Protein backbone atom coordinates (compact mmCIF):
# COMPACT_ATOMS: atom_id res chain seq x y z
CA MET A 1 -278.94 26.65 9.36
CA ALA A 2 -277.87 23.38 10.99
CA ASP A 3 -279.93 21.47 8.44
CA ALA A 4 -278.05 23.10 5.57
CA GLY A 5 -274.72 22.17 7.16
CA ASP A 6 -275.86 18.60 7.76
CA ALA A 7 -277.12 18.31 4.19
CA ALA A 8 -273.87 19.73 2.79
CA GLY A 9 -271.87 17.17 4.76
CA LEU A 10 -273.94 14.30 3.42
CA ASN A 11 -273.69 15.34 -0.23
CA PRO A 12 -270.20 16.27 -1.45
CA ALA A 13 -271.66 17.77 -4.65
CA ILE A 14 -273.23 20.58 -2.61
CA ASP A 15 -269.81 21.58 -1.29
CA GLU A 16 -268.41 21.85 -4.83
CA VAL A 17 -270.99 24.34 -6.15
CA SER A 18 -270.88 27.85 -4.78
CA PRO A 19 -274.19 29.63 -4.12
CA GLU A 20 -273.31 32.30 -6.71
CA LYS A 21 -272.91 29.72 -9.47
CA SER A 22 -276.11 27.92 -8.53
CA GLU A 23 -278.14 31.16 -8.44
CA SER A 24 -276.84 32.31 -11.83
CA ARG A 25 -277.59 28.90 -13.33
CA ASN A 26 -281.14 29.01 -11.99
CA ALA A 27 -281.65 32.61 -13.13
CA ASN A 28 -280.68 31.87 -16.73
CA PHE A 29 -282.90 28.89 -17.39
CA SER A 30 -284.47 26.50 -14.97
CA GLY A 31 -284.93 23.91 -17.70
CA ASP A 32 -287.58 21.33 -17.11
CA ARG A 33 -287.07 20.75 -13.44
CA PRO A 34 -289.99 20.92 -11.04
CA ARG A 35 -290.21 23.97 -8.82
CA ASN A 36 -291.56 23.94 -5.31
CA ASP A 37 -292.24 27.66 -5.21
CA LEU A 38 -293.88 30.13 -7.55
CA ASP A 39 -292.51 33.43 -8.72
CA SER A 40 -295.34 35.52 -7.33
CA ARG A 41 -295.15 38.27 -9.95
CA ILE A 42 -295.38 35.79 -12.83
CA ALA A 43 -298.08 33.81 -11.01
CA VAL A 44 -300.28 36.86 -10.40
CA ARG A 45 -300.00 37.96 -14.01
CA ALA A 46 -300.74 34.44 -15.28
CA ALA A 47 -303.79 34.09 -13.01
CA LEU A 48 -305.14 37.53 -13.95
CA LYS A 49 -304.65 36.95 -17.66
CA ALA A 50 -306.25 33.50 -17.52
CA GLY A 51 -309.07 34.76 -15.29
CA LEU A 52 -309.93 37.58 -17.66
CA LEU A 53 -309.97 35.15 -20.57
CA GLY A 54 -311.94 32.78 -18.35
CA ILE A 55 -314.84 35.21 -18.28
CA LEU A 56 -315.27 34.50 -22.00
CA ILE A 57 -314.27 30.83 -22.21
CA GLY A 58 -316.15 30.01 -19.00
CA ALA A 59 -319.30 30.00 -21.11
CA ILE A 60 -318.17 26.76 -22.77
CA PRO A 61 -320.14 24.06 -20.93
CA LEU A 62 -318.16 21.67 -18.71
CA ILE A 63 -314.68 22.58 -19.96
CA GLY A 64 -314.61 26.38 -19.88
CA ILE A 65 -313.62 26.85 -16.24
CA PRO A 66 -311.09 23.96 -16.11
CA LEU A 67 -309.59 25.43 -19.28
CA THR A 68 -309.18 28.71 -17.41
CA GLY A 69 -307.09 26.97 -14.75
CA ALA A 70 -305.07 25.21 -17.42
CA LEU A 71 -304.42 28.54 -19.15
CA ALA A 72 -303.00 29.97 -15.94
CA VAL A 73 -300.50 27.11 -15.75
CA PHE A 74 -299.70 27.49 -19.46
CA PHE A 75 -299.07 31.24 -19.09
CA TYR A 76 -296.91 30.68 -16.00
CA ARG A 77 -294.89 27.90 -17.62
CA ARG A 78 -294.35 29.93 -20.79
CA LYS A 79 -292.99 32.87 -18.81
CA SER A 80 -291.01 31.01 -16.13
CA ARG A 81 -289.84 28.14 -18.35
CA SER A 82 -290.11 25.65 -15.52
CA ILE A 83 -292.19 22.61 -14.71
CA ILE A 84 -294.98 23.21 -12.24
CA PRO A 85 -295.83 20.47 -9.72
CA ALA A 86 -299.47 19.47 -9.41
CA ALA A 87 -299.98 21.27 -6.09
CA LEU A 88 -298.75 24.56 -7.52
CA GLY A 89 -300.80 23.95 -10.67
CA ALA A 90 -303.86 23.64 -8.45
CA ARG A 91 -303.01 26.92 -6.73
CA LEU A 92 -302.50 28.73 -10.03
CA GLY A 93 -305.69 27.32 -11.51
CA GLY A 94 -307.62 28.16 -8.36
CA ALA A 95 -306.30 31.72 -8.46
CA ALA A 96 -307.54 32.08 -12.05
CA GLY A 97 -310.91 30.66 -10.97
CA LEU A 98 -310.97 33.17 -8.13
CA VAL A 99 -310.50 35.99 -10.64
CA VAL A 100 -313.45 34.69 -12.68
CA PHE A 101 -315.57 34.43 -9.52
CA ALA A 102 -314.57 37.90 -8.27
CA ILE A 103 -315.53 39.56 -11.54
CA GLY A 104 -318.86 37.71 -11.59
CA ALA A 105 -319.54 38.57 -7.94
CA LEU A 106 -318.74 42.24 -8.52
CA LEU A 107 -321.09 42.23 -11.47
CA ALA A 108 -323.86 40.62 -9.37
CA VAL A 109 -323.35 43.17 -6.58
CA ALA A 110 -323.48 46.02 -9.10
CA ILE A 111 -326.69 44.65 -10.62
CA VAL A 112 -328.35 44.33 -7.22
CA GLY A 113 -327.01 47.72 -6.11
CA LEU A 114 -328.37 49.42 -9.20
CA HIS A 115 -331.74 47.71 -8.73
CA ALA A 116 -331.38 46.16 -12.19
CA GLN A 117 -331.89 42.61 -10.99
CA GLN A 118 -335.21 42.08 -12.77
CA GLN A 119 -333.88 43.46 -16.06
CA CYS A 120 -330.90 41.10 -15.81
CA ILE A 121 -333.16 38.14 -15.02
CA ASP A 122 -335.35 39.00 -18.03
CA MET A 123 -332.26 39.22 -20.25
CA MET A 124 -331.03 35.84 -18.99
CA MET A 125 -334.44 34.27 -19.60
CA ASN A 126 -334.47 35.63 -23.17
CA THR A 127 -330.99 34.23 -23.74
CA PHE A 128 -331.98 30.81 -22.40
CA GLN A 129 -335.11 30.89 -24.55
CA LYS A 130 -333.01 31.62 -27.67
CA LEU A 131 -330.78 28.69 -26.74
CA GLY A 132 -333.81 26.43 -26.67
CA ALA A 133 -334.23 26.03 -22.91
CA ASN A 134 -337.68 25.67 -21.40
CA THR A 135 -338.00 29.05 -19.69
CA ALA A 136 -341.39 28.10 -18.24
CA ASP A 137 -339.63 25.56 -16.03
CA PRO A 138 -339.91 26.76 -12.42
CA GLN A 139 -336.56 25.17 -11.56
CA LEU A 140 -334.76 27.26 -14.20
CA ARG A 141 -336.45 30.42 -12.95
CA ALA A 142 -335.48 29.62 -9.36
CA SER A 143 -331.87 28.93 -10.41
CA ILE A 144 -331.62 32.28 -12.17
CA HIS A 145 -333.02 34.12 -9.11
CA GLU A 146 -330.57 32.18 -6.90
CA VAL A 147 -327.58 33.73 -8.70
CA PHE A 148 -328.19 37.02 -6.89
CA THR A 149 -328.33 35.54 -3.38
CA PRO A 150 -325.42 34.87 -0.99
CA SER A 151 -325.97 31.11 -1.25
CA GLY A 152 -325.93 31.41 -5.04
CA GLN A 153 -322.63 33.25 -4.84
CA ALA A 154 -321.21 30.55 -2.56
CA ILE A 155 -322.17 27.95 -5.15
CA ALA A 156 -320.64 30.11 -7.88
CA PHE A 157 -317.41 30.27 -5.86
CA PHE A 158 -317.10 26.48 -5.75
CA VAL A 159 -318.23 26.08 -9.37
CA THR A 160 -315.40 28.35 -10.53
CA VAL A 161 -312.51 27.76 -8.13
CA VAL A 162 -312.64 23.96 -7.81
CA PRO A 163 -312.86 23.11 -11.54
CA ALA A 164 -310.21 25.75 -12.32
CA SER A 165 -307.91 24.10 -9.75
CA ILE A 166 -308.53 20.73 -11.38
CA GLY A 167 -307.67 22.28 -14.75
CA GLY A 168 -304.45 23.62 -13.26
CA VAL A 169 -303.49 20.17 -11.97
CA LEU A 170 -304.22 18.54 -15.31
CA ALA A 171 -302.22 21.19 -17.16
CA SER A 172 -299.27 20.70 -14.83
CA PHE A 173 -299.24 17.02 -15.84
CA PHE A 174 -299.79 17.54 -19.56
CA LEU A 175 -297.36 20.44 -19.98
CA ARG A 176 -294.37 18.52 -18.73
CA SER A 177 -291.88 17.96 -21.49
CA ARG A 178 -291.11 14.43 -22.49
CA SER A 179 -287.44 13.65 -22.24
CA PRO A 180 -285.92 11.27 -24.79
CA GLY A 181 -284.91 8.84 -22.03
CA ASN A 182 -288.53 8.27 -21.07
CA ASN A 183 -289.60 6.83 -24.41
CA PHE A 184 -290.94 3.33 -24.38
CA ASN A 185 -290.15 2.75 -28.05
CA HIS A 186 -287.12 0.52 -27.83
CA LYS A 187 -285.20 -0.49 -30.94
CA ARG A 188 -284.94 -4.22 -31.34
């Protein structure tokens, strides 16, 4: 409380605006100002929506999971109409990556629990063979078996959450609006 009083004394503009006016202004439209906190309801919905889509787009090599994190930031920004700082973009993207990981981990647990691991491995091998991969490669076979182990799930966690966080950071930078004052095209 003392900090708020000290800050108000240093900045006369704070004394002129009542809290009611400032709250109503922020509730209507936050414009393109950065926010240091997330609206948790909007953030959860954005992360869930992006994570569910991430199950599908995660199959795109190299960019699928970062795109999932970027989608979470896009969905949040569209709903909240505010700029998201990079740190919060990373949190949103990571949350979407966590949704992708959780769904994959639940699927792996269900497969192991139903004793359908070998059928799933055979299906994956057939898919890789159709895609032109060398399924006789012992490294590929070992990697597929690794998916169903705890260490494989730990790797899957980092392979989904970290790139999704990076995608969230990148989206927070790219989705900032460009104000007319920031143009470098000067008239001569």
